[in-house]
Amino acid sequence: MLNMFTPAEIVQNYSLAGKAKAESPAGRLLLSAVMAGFFVACGAAVTNTAAHSITNVSAARIICGLLFPFGLGMIILLGAELFTGNCLITISVLNRETSVWKMLRNWFFVYLGNGIGAVALAAGCVFFGQLDYSDGGLALYTIRVAVSKCAISFPQGIVMGIFCNILVCAGVLCALSAKDTIGRIAGAYIPVAFFVICGFEHSIANMYYIPAGLFAMRSHEYAHLAAAAGVNTEVLTWANFFVRNLIPVTLGNIFGGVIFAFAMWKAKRQ
């Protein structure tokens, strides 16, 4: 017997899993979502840490792509709840296993919990010294990343969010194609590495990247380093975080996930 499920079996298996996700109690969803947000944020923190002193952009992107995907691997293996992956509950709705209302309820609690986990790690890293690497070089890099993400246009956020979540949802289904641990990690790894290297936008990861930069600017030492490096931090505000990044990227993630879920459901209907 093959050590994997067929594409049609993957879709059917997820349909049942999505039903369970949609009907899960709110408290359980929230707790699992905080865990997932923390794991995604760990991926963001480790990529910033690993890449902050690499001047070659291509090398930095490759390093980030190699490291970030392990966050999704942990989420899948531990059964945590990730908003972007849960856009696949669309499959359960299309199969009439659950309702649109229950899917939206899941998204609300999971999005909230993901944000709590990601922002909590951002605050911990900034206020308890994790950004002190390279005499504050990591803090400066963190601020630069946050500035660049707050400077994108609304349409760019939507389109980059669409591309990102097509790959994230592909990673979730590829992971579920395997029947062993290594296969599941490998399935999730490659699509997520692709989106990270390409620089596509992930709403939950950005709940670490941008708040970490905003928190860092509250430190006089870190803010001075940014000013000395000529970083224009005027765009780095909480308003821009929400309006210019989080809202369009979240919408793009939803569109990408729903489009991909529909395509898989339609192509693999039995």
C-alpha atoms as a PDB file:
ATOM      1  CA  MET A   1       0.000   0.000   0.000  1.00  0.00           C
ATOM      2  CA  LEU A   2       1.151   3.523  -0.784  1.00  0.00           C
ATOM      3  CA  ASN A   3       2.293   5.547   2.189  1.00  0.00           C
ATOM      4  CA  MET A   4       0.137   8.463   1.080  1.00  0.00           C
ATOM      5  CA  PHE A   5      -3.427   9.454   0.228  1.00  0.00           C
ATOM      6  CA  THR A   6      -4.611  10.245  -3.291  1.00  0.00           C
ATOM      7  CA  PRO A   7      -5.608  13.869  -4.079  1.00  0.00           C
ATOM      8  CA  ALA A   8      -9.289  12.900  -3.997  1.00  0.00           C
ATOM      9  CA  GLU A   9      -8.814  11.240  -0.606  1.00  0.00           C
ATOM     10  CA  ILE A  10      -6.982  14.304   0.695  1.00  0.00           C
ATOM     11  CA  VAL A  11      -9.899  16.557  -0.210  1.00  0.00           C
ATOM     12  CA  GLN A  12     -12.415  14.180   1.357  1.00  0.00           C
ATOM     13  CA  ASN A  13     -10.324  13.767   4.510  1.00  0.00           C
ATOM     14  CA  TYR A  14      -9.995  17.529   4.872  1.00  0.00           C
ATOM     15  CA  SER A  15     -13.734  17.952   4.382  1.00  0.00           C
ATOM     16  CA  LEU A  16     -14.332  15.872   7.512  1.00  0.00           C
ATOM     17  CA  ALA A  17     -11.493  17.576   9.391  1.00  0.00           C
ATOM     18  CA  GLY A  18     -12.857  20.982   8.436  1.00  0.00           C
ATOM     19  CA  LYS A  19     -16.261  20.022   9.806  1.00  0.00           C
ATOM     20  CA  ALA A  20     -14.636  19.188  13.156  1.00  0.00           C
ATOM     21  CA  LYS A  21     -12.745  22.491  13.114  1.00  0.00           C
ATOM     22  CA  ALA A  22     -15.901  24.460  12.371  1.00  0.00           C
ATOM     23  CA  GLU A  23     -17.778  22.814  15.235  1.00  0.00           C
ATOM     24  CA  SER A  24     -14.969  22.982  17.798  1.00  0.00           C
ATOM     25  CA  PRO A  25     -15.757  24.905  21.040  1.00  0.00           C
ATOM     26  CA  ALA A  26     -14.646  28.531  21.060  1.00  0.00           C
ATOM     27  CA  GLY A  27     -12.294  28.101  24.026  1.00  0.00           C
ATOM     28  CA  ARG A  28     -10.506  25.189  22.391  1.00  0.00           C
ATOM     29  CA  LEU A  29     -10.208  27.093  19.114  1.00  0.00           C
ATOM     30  CA  LEU A  30      -8.780  30.144  20.836  1.00  0.00           C
ATOM     31  CA  LEU A  31      -6.183  28.191  22.813  1.00  0.00           C
ATOM     32  CA  SER A  32      -5.067  26.181  19.776  1.00  0.00           C
ATOM     33  CA  ALA A  33      -4.936  29.381  17.738  1.00  0.00           C
ATOM     34  CA  VAL A  34      -2.703  31.154  20.276  1.00  0.00           C
ATOM     35  CA  MET A  35      -0.339  28.190  19.984  1.00  0.00           C
ATOM     36  CA  ALA A  36      -0.337  28.394  16.182  1.00  0.00           C
ATOM     37  CA  GLY A  37       0.210  32.156  16.216  1.00  0.00           C
ATOM     38  CA  PHE A  38       3.183  31.637  18.509  1.00  0.00           C
ATOM     39  CA  PHE A  39       4.678  29.004  16.176  1.00  0.00           C
ATOM     40  CA  VAL A  40       4.279  31.197  13.085  1.00  0.00           C
ATOM     41  CA  ALA A  41       5.797  34.101  14.995  1.00  0.00           C
ATOM     42  CA  CYS A  42       8.716  31.857  15.984  1.00  0.00           C
ATOM     43  CA  GLY A  43       9.290  31.302  12.277  1.00  0.00           C
ATOM     44  CA  ALA A  44       9.292  35.061  11.729  1.00  0.00           C
ATOM     45  CA  ALA A  45      11.612  35.662  14.693  1.00  0.00           C
ATOM     46  CA  VAL A  46      14.096  33.020  13.597  1.00  0.00           C
ATOM     47  CA  THR A  47      14.217  34.313  10.018  1.00  0.00           C
ATOM     48  CA  ASN A  48      14.878  37.863  11.214  1.00  0.00           C
ATOM     49  CA  THR A  49      17.585  36.583  13.542  1.00  0.00           C
ATOM     50  CA  ALA A  50      19.262  34.422  10.911  1.00  0.00           C
ATOM     51  CA  ALA A  51      19.128  36.983   8.099  1.00  0.00           C
ATOM     52  CA  HIS A  52      19.755  40.263   9.899  1.00  0.00           C
ATOM     53  CA  SER A  53      23.479  40.454   9.102  1.00  0.00           C
ATOM     54  CA  ILE A  54      23.352  38.977   5.583  1.00  0.00           C
ATOM     55  CA  THR A  55      23.805  41.737   3.015  1.00  0.00           C
ATOM     56  CA  ASN A  56      23.120  39.613  -0.067  1.00  0.00           C
ATOM     57  CA  VAL A  57      19.351  39.735  -0.610  1.00  0.00           C
ATOM     58  CA  SER A  58      19.135  36.410  -2.450  1.00  0.00           C
ATOM     59  CA  ALA A  59      21.078  34.605   0.258  1.00  0.00           C
ATOM     60  CA  ALA A  60      18.934  36.192   2.973  1.00  0.00           C
ATOM     61  CA  ARG A  61      15.703  35.132   1.240  1.00  0.00           C
ATOM     62  CA  ILE A  62      16.962  31.566   0.830  1.00  0.00           C
ATOM     63  CA  ILE A  63      17.929  31.359   4.513  1.00  0.00           C
ATOM     64  CA  CYS A  64      14.482  32.655   5.478  1.00  0.00           C
ATOM     65  CA  GLY A  65      12.825  30.147   3.173  1.00  0.00           C
ATOM     66  CA  LEU A  66      14.769  27.278   4.696  1.00  0.00           C
ATOM     67  CA  LEU A  67      13.840  28.165   8.275  1.00  0.00           C
ATOM     68  CA  PHE A  68      10.323  29.633   8.315  1.00  0.00           C
ATOM     69  CA  PRO A  69       8.353  26.532   7.164  1.00  0.00           C
ATOM     70  CA  PHE A  70       9.044  24.559  10.343  1.00  0.00           C
ATOM     71  CA  GLY A  71       6.399  26.704  12.061  1.00  0.00           C
ATOM     72  CA  LEU A  72       3.679  25.268   9.823  1.00  0.00           C
ATOM     73  CA  GLY A  73       5.139  21.798  10.327  1.00  0.00           C
ATOM     74  CA  MET A  74       4.700  22.090  14.099  1.00  0.00           C
ATOM     75  CA  ILE A  75       1.171  23.433  13.658  1.00  0.00           C
ATOM     76  CA  ILE A  76       0.136  20.468  11.520  1.00  0.00           C
ATOM     77  CA  LEU A  77       1.777  17.829  13.702  1.00  0.00           C
ATOM     78  CA  LEU A  78       0.343  19.280  16.928  1.00  0.00           C
ATOM     79  CA  GLY A  79      -3.117  20.028  15.551  1.00  0.00           C
ATOM     80  CA  ALA A  80      -3.009  23.768  16.230  1.00  0.00           C
ATOM     81  CA  GLU A  81      -5.385  26.167  14.468  1.00  0.00           C
ATOM     82  CA  LEU A  82      -4.005  28.561  11.832  1.00  0.00           C
ATOM     83  CA  PHE A  83      -6.304  31.100  10.180  1.00  0.00           C
ATOM     84  CA  THR A  84      -4.731  30.948   6.737  1.00  0.00           C
ATOM     85  CA  GLY A  85      -4.843  27.153   6.598  1.00  0.00           C
ATOM     86  CA  ASN A  86      -8.411  27.156   7.909  1.00  0.00           C
ATOM     87  CA  CYS A  87      -9.541  28.942   4.750  1.00  0.00           C
ATOM     88  CA  LEU A  88      -9.653  25.350   3.475  1.00  0.00           C
ATOM     89  CA  ILE A  89     -12.802  24.821   5.550  1.00  0.00           C
ATOM     90  CA  THR A  90     -14.392  26.133   2.346  1.00  0.00           C
ATOM     91  CA  ILE A  91     -14.093  22.508   1.168  1.00  0.00           C
ATOM     92  CA  SER A  92     -16.307  21.379   4.058  1.00  0.00           C
ATOM     93  CA  VAL A  93     -18.858  24.058   3.187  1.00  0.00           C
ATOM     94  CA  LEU A  94     -18.891  23.035  -0.478  1.00  0.00           C
ATOM     95  CA  ASN A  95     -19.371  19.391   0.583  1.00  0.00           C
ATOM     96  CA  ARG A  96     -22.230  20.520   2.867  1.00  0.00           C
ATOM     97  CA  GLU A  97     -20.450  19.108   5.897  1.00  0.00           C
ATOM     98  CA  THR A  98     -20.739  22.457   7.673  1.00  0.00           C
ATOM     99  CA  SER A  99     -22.192  25.949   7.176  1.00  0.00           C
ATOM    100  CA  VAL A 100     -20.723  29.273   6.110  1.00  0.00           C
ATOM    101  CA  TRP A 101     -21.655  30.690   9.525  1.00  0.00           C
ATOM    102  CA  LYS A 102     -19.704  28.003  11.387  1.00  0.00           C
ATOM    103  CA  MET A 103     -16.707  28.542   9.105  1.00  0.00           C
ATOM    104  CA  LEU A 104     -16.772  32.295   9.782  1.00  0.00           C
ATOM    105  CA  ARG A 105     -17.074  31.605  13.506  1.00  0.00           C
ATOM    106  CA  ASN A 106     -13.940  29.449  13.295  1.00  0.00           C
ATOM    107  CA  TRP A 107     -12.083  32.113  11.356  1.00  0.00           C
ATOM    108  CA  PHE A 108     -12.968  34.793  13.936  1.00  0.00           C
ATOM    109  CA  PHE A 109     -11.702  32.918  16.982  1.00  0.00           C
ATOM    110  CA  VAL A 110      -8.663  31.503  15.194  1.00  0.00           C
ATOM    111  CA  TYR A 111      -7.648  34.877  13.750  1.00  0.00           C
ATOM    112  CA  LEU A 112      -7.956  36.444  17.201  1.00  0.00           C
ATOM    113  CA  GLY A 113      -5.947  33.689  18.858  1.00  0.00           C
ATOM    114  CA  ASN A 114      -3.256  33.753  16.168  1.00  0.00           C
ATOM    115  CA  GLY A 115      -2.881  37.485  16.719  1.00  0.00           C
ATOM    116  CA  ILE A 116      -2.542  37.070  20.480  1.00  0.00           C
ATOM    117  CA  GLY A 117       0.173  34.440  20.090  1.00  0.00           C
ATOM    118  CA  ALA A 118       2.123  36.380  17.462  1.00  0.00           C
ATOM    119  CA  VAL A 119       1.979  39.780  19.173  1.00  0.00           C
ATOM    120  CA  ALA A 120       2.881  38.239  22.541  1.00  0.00           C
ATOM    121  CA  LEU A 121       6.066  36.782  21.085  1.00  0.00           C
ATOM    122  CA  ALA A 122       6.878  40.099  19.385  1.00  0.00           C
ATOM    123  CA  ALA A 123       6.551  41.929  22.697  1.00  0.00           C
ATOM    124  CA  GLY A 124       8.623  39.337  24.529  1.00  0.00           C
ATOM    125  CA  CYS A 125      11.443  39.454  21.976  1.00  0.00           C
ATOM    126  CA  VAL A 126      11.594  43.259  21.975  1.00  0.00           C
ATOM    127  CA  PHE A 127      11.173  44.058  25.656  1.00  0.00           C
ATOM    128  CA  PHE A 128      13.316  41.225  26.992  1.00  0.00           C
ATOM    129  CA  GLY A 129      16.421  41.708  24.873  1.00  0.00           C
ATOM    130  CA  GLN A 130      16.202  39.191  22.025  1.00  0.00           C
ATOM    131  CA  LEU A 131      16.800  42.011  19.515  1.00  0.00           C
ATOM    132  CA  ASP A 132      20.146  42.929  21.089  1.00  0.00           C
ATOM    133  CA  TYR A 133      22.084  40.654  18.690  1.00  0.00           C
ATOM    134  CA  SER A 134      24.923  42.406  16.822  1.00  0.00           C
ATOM    135  CA  ASP A 135      24.797  45.430  19.138  1.00  0.00           C
ATOM    136  CA  GLY A 136      21.219  46.119  18.145  1.00  0.00           C
ATOM    137  CA  GLY A 137      21.687  45.100  14.528  1.00  0.00           C
ATOM    138  CA  LEU A 138      18.783  42.674  14.820  1.00  0.00           C
ATOM    139  CA  ALA A 139      16.566  45.466  16.162  1.00  0.00           C
ATOM    140  CA  LEU A 140      17.514  47.672  13.212  1.00  0.00           C
ATOM    141  CA  TYR A 141      16.736  44.862  10.770  1.00  0.00           C
ATOM    142  CA  THR A 142      13.408  44.216  12.511  1.00  0.00           C
ATOM    143  CA  ILE A 143      12.479  47.885  12.124  1.00  0.00           C
ATOM    144  CA  ARG A 144      13.484  47.854   8.439  1.00  0.00           C
ATOM    145  CA  VAL A 145      11.288  44.811   7.771  1.00  0.00           C
ATOM    146  CA  ALA A 146       8.331  46.422   9.545  1.00  0.00           C
ATOM    147  CA  VAL A 147       8.802  49.677   7.604  1.00  0.00           C
ATOM    148  CA  SER A 148       8.893  47.846   4.281  1.00  0.00           C
ATOM    149  CA  LYS A 149       5.673  45.990   5.099  1.00  0.00           C
ATOM    150  CA  CYS A 150       3.868  49.170   6.151  1.00  0.00           C
ATOM    151  CA  ALA A 151       4.882  50.830   2.875  1.00  0.00           C
ATOM    152  CA  ILE A 152       3.121  48.428   0.494  1.00  0.00           C
ATOM    153  CA  SER A 153       0.041  49.562  -1.420  1.00  0.00           C
ATOM    154  CA  PHE A 154      -3.439  48.163  -0.766  1.00  0.00           C
ATOM    155  CA  PRO A 155      -3.606  46.285  -4.111  1.00  0.00           C
ATOM    156  CA  GLN A 156      -0.110  44.888  -3.576  1.00  0.00           C
ATOM    157  CA  GLY A 157      -1.130  43.575  -0.168  1.00  0.00           C
ATOM    158  CA  ILE A 158      -4.159  41.822  -1.636  1.00  0.00           C
ATOM    159  CA  VAL A 159      -2.320  40.191  -4.542  1.00  0.00           C
ATOM    160  CA  MET A 160       0.725  39.158  -2.478  1.00  0.00           C
ATOM    161  CA  GLY A 161      -1.713  37.795   0.133  1.00  0.00           C
ATOM    162  CA  ILE A 162      -3.526  35.741  -2.513  1.00  0.00           C
ATOM    163  CA  PHE A 163      -0.301  34.178  -3.770  1.00  0.00           C
ATOM    164  CA  CYS A 164       0.838  33.468  -0.222  1.00  0.00           C
ATOM    165  CA  ASN A 165      -2.243  31.586   0.878  1.00  0.00           C
ATOM    166  CA  ILE A 166      -2.525  29.518  -2.257  1.00  0.00           C
ATOM    167  CA  LEU A 167       0.879  28.150  -1.296  1.00  0.00           C
ATOM    168  CA  VAL A 168       0.086  27.831   2.425  1.00  0.00           C
ATOM    169  CA  CYS A 169      -3.120  25.900   1.703  1.00  0.00           C
ATOM    170  CA  ALA A 170      -1.240  23.766  -0.815  1.00  0.00           C
ATOM    171  CA  GLY A 171       1.267  23.051   1.944  1.00  0.00           C
ATOM    172  CA  VAL A 172      -1.503  22.001   4.344  1.00  0.00           C
ATOM    173  CA  LEU A 173      -3.025  19.585   1.828  1.00  0.00           C
ATOM    174  CA  CYS A 174       0.378  18.258   0.758  1.00  0.00           C
ATOM    175  CA  ALA A 175       1.165  17.598   4.430  1.00  0.00           C
ATOM    176  CA  LEU A 176      -2.126  15.739   4.818  1.00  0.00           C
ATOM    177  CA  SER A 177      -1.260  13.552   1.829  1.00  0.00           C
ATOM    178  CA  ALA A 178       1.334  11.701   3.902  1.00  0.00           C
ATOM    179  CA  LYS A 179       0.783   9.001   6.496  1.00  0.00           C
ATOM    180  CA  ASP A 180       4.048   9.520   8.372  1.00  0.00           C
ATOM    181  CA  THR A 181       5.698  12.398  10.220  1.00  0.00           C
ATOM    182  CA  ILE A 182       8.545  13.029   7.765  1.00  0.00           C
ATOM    183  CA  GLY A 183       6.145  13.053   4.826  1.00  0.00           C
ATOM    184  CA  ARG A 184       3.866  15.551   6.523  1.00  0.00           C
ATOM    185  CA  ILE A 185       6.714  17.928   7.324  1.00  0.00           C
ATOM    186  CA  ALA A 186       8.096  17.648   3.783  1.00  0.00           C
ATOM    187  CA  GLY A 187       4.658  18.256   2.301  1.00  0.00           C
ATOM    188  CA  ALA A 188       4.241  21.498   4.218  1.00  0.00           C
ATOM    189  CA  TYR A 189       7.840  22.588   3.808  1.00  0.00           C
ATOM    190  CA  ILE A 190       8.271  23.252   0.090  1.00  0.00           C
ATOM    191  CA  PRO A 191       5.181  25.412  -0.660  1.00  0.00           C
ATOM    192  CA  VAL A 192       5.818  27.560   2.414  1.00  0.00           C
ATOM    193  CA  ALA A 193       9.505  27.945   1.513  1.00  0.00           C
ATOM    194  CA  PHE A 194       8.371  29.170  -1.912  1.00  0.00           C
ATOM    195  CA  PHE A 195       6.151  31.918  -0.496  1.00  0.00           C
ATOM    196  CA  VAL A 196       8.800  33.093   1.953  1.00  0.00           C
ATOM    197  CA  ILE A 197      11.564  33.273  -0.654  1.00  0.00           C
ATOM    198  CA  CYS A 198       9.239  35.125  -3.043  1.00  0.00           C
ATOM    199  CA  GLY A 199       8.282  37.622  -0.329  1.00  0.00           C
ATOM    200  CA  PHE A 200       4.540  37.007  -0.446  1.00  0.00           C
ATOM    201  CA  GLU A 201       2.454  38.383   2.433  1.00  0.00           C
ATOM    202  CA  HIS A 202       1.122  36.262   5.307  1.00  0.00           C
ATOM    203  CA  SER A 203      -1.257  38.040   7.689  1.00  0.00           C
ATOM    204  CA  ILE A 204      -0.350  36.041  10.790  1.00  0.00           C
ATOM    205  CA  ALA A 205       3.401  36.300  10.225  1.00  0.00           C
ATOM    206  CA  ASN A 206       2.933  40.049   9.789  1.00  0.00           C
ATOM    207  CA  MET A 207       1.369  40.118  13.256  1.00  0.00           C
ATOM    208  CA  TYR A 208       4.914  39.444  14.438  1.00  0.00           C
ATOM    209  CA  TYR A 209       6.980  41.344  11.884  1.00  0.00           C
ATOM    210  CA  ILE A 210       5.223  44.711  12.170  1.00  0.00           C
ATOM    211  CA  PRO A 211       4.392  44.849  15.904  1.00  0.00           C
ATOM    212  CA  ALA A 212       7.985  43.817  16.625  1.00  0.00           C
ATOM    213  CA  GLY A 213       9.173  46.852  14.641  1.00  0.00           C
ATOM    214  CA  LEU A 214       6.622  49.106  16.329  1.00  0.00           C
ATOM    215  CA  PHE A 215       7.623  47.879  19.783  1.00  0.00           C
ATOM    216  CA  ALA A 216      11.312  48.302  18.903  1.00  0.00           C
ATOM    217  CA  MET A 217      10.716  51.961  18.052  1.00  0.00           C
ATOM    218  CA  ARG A 218       9.614  52.507  21.648  1.00  0.00           C
ATOM    219  CA  SER A 219      13.211  51.876  22.727  1.00  0.00           C
ATOM    220  CA  HIS A 220      15.330  55.032  22.525  1.00  0.00           C
ATOM    221  CA  GLU A 221      18.384  52.912  21.731  1.00  0.00           C
ATOM    222  CA  TYR A 222      16.729  51.063  18.853  1.00  0.00           C
ATOM    223  CA  ALA A 223      15.051  54.221  17.547  1.00  0.00           C
ATOM    224  CA  HIS A 224      18.425  55.994  17.558  1.00  0.00           C
ATOM    225  CA  LEU A 225      19.987  53.163  15.551  1.00  0.00           C
ATOM    226  CA  ALA A 226      17.190  53.460  12.977  1.00  0.00           C
ATOM    227  CA  ALA A 227      17.625  57.224  12.730  1.00  0.00           C
ATOM    228  CA  ALA A 228      21.405  56.912  12.389  1.00  0.00           C
ATOM    229  CA  ALA A 229      20.926  54.386   9.575  1.00  0.00           C
ATOM    230  CA  GLY A 230      18.616  56.792   7.737  1.00  0.00           C
ATOM    231  CA  VAL A 231      15.524  54.578   8.012  1.00  0.00           C
ATOM    232  CA  ASN A 232      12.367  56.582   7.299  1.00  0.00           C
ATOM    233  CA  THR A 233      10.109  55.350  10.079  1.00  0.00           C
ATOM    234  CA  GLU A 234       7.260  57.796   9.459  1.00  0.00           C
ATOM    235  CA  VAL A 235       5.291  55.069   7.717  1.00  0.00           C
ATOM    236  CA  LEU A 236       5.704  52.711  10.692  1.00  0.00           C
ATOM    237  CA  THR A 237       2.484  53.360  12.623  1.00  0.00           C
ATOM    238  CA  TRP A 238      -0.270  51.199  14.068  1.00  0.00           C
ATOM    239  CA  ALA A 239      -2.714  52.777  11.610  1.00  0.00           C
ATOM    240  CA  ASN A 240      -0.564  51.766   8.640  1.00  0.00           C
ATOM    241  CA  PHE A 241      -0.113  48.308  10.123  1.00  0.00           C
ATOM    242  CA  PHE A 242      -3.850  47.759   9.953  1.00  0.00           C
ATOM    243  CA  VAL A 243      -4.866  49.821   6.907  1.00  0.00           C
ATOM    244  CA  ARG A 244      -1.915  49.329   4.548  1.00  0.00           C
ATOM    245  CA  ASN A 245      -0.931  45.795   5.500  1.00  0.00           C
ATOM    246  CA  LEU A 246      -3.138  43.683   7.752  1.00  0.00           C
ATOM    247  CA  ILE A 247      -6.504  44.424   6.124  1.00  0.00           C
ATOM    248  CA  PRO A 248      -5.445  43.956   2.468  1.00  0.00           C
ATOM    249  CA  VAL A 249      -3.181  40.998   3.253  1.00  0.00           C
ATOM    250  CA  THR A 250      -5.925  39.277   5.267  1.00  0.00           C
ATOM    251  CA  LEU A 251      -8.395  39.811   2.421  1.00  0.00           C
ATOM    252  CA  GLY A 252      -5.838  38.440  -0.031  1.00  0.00           C
ATOM    253  CA  ASN A 253      -5.181  35.426   2.196  1.00  0.00           C
ATOM    254  CA  ILE A 254      -8.919  34.715   2.323  1.00  0.00           C
ATOM    255  CA  PHE A 255      -9.334  35.075  -1.446  1.00  0.00           C
ATOM    256  CA  GLY A 256      -6.330  32.862  -2.134  1.00  0.00           C
ATOM    257  CA  GLY A 257      -7.406  30.177   0.313  1.00  0.00           C
ATOM    258  CA  VAL A 258     -11.014  30.094  -0.872  1.00  0.00           C
ATOM    259  CA  ILE A 259      -9.999  30.052  -4.559  1.00  0.00           C
ATOM    260  CA  PHE A 260      -7.560  27.203  -3.972  1.00  0.00           C
ATOM    261  CA  ALA A 261     -10.060  25.251  -1.854  1.00  0.00           C
ATOM    262  CA  PHE A 262     -12.731  25.610  -4.543  1.00  0.00           C
ATOM    263  CA  ALA A 263     -10.305  24.539  -7.288  1.00  0.00           C
ATOM    264  CA  MET A 264      -9.249  21.420  -5.347  1.00  0.00           C
ATOM    265  CA  TRP A 265     -12.860  20.540  -4.464  1.00  0.00           C
ATOM    266  CA  LYS A 266     -14.038  21.009  -8.038  1.00  0.00           C
ATOM    267  CA  ALA A 267     -11.143  19.089  -9.589  1.00  0.00           C
ATOM    268  CA  LYS A 268     -11.313  16.137  -7.169  1.00  0.00           C
ATOM    269  CA  ARG A 269     -15.072  15.665  -6.727  1.00  0.00           C
ATOM    270  CA  GLN A 270     -15.974  11.991  -6.723  1.00  0.00           C
END
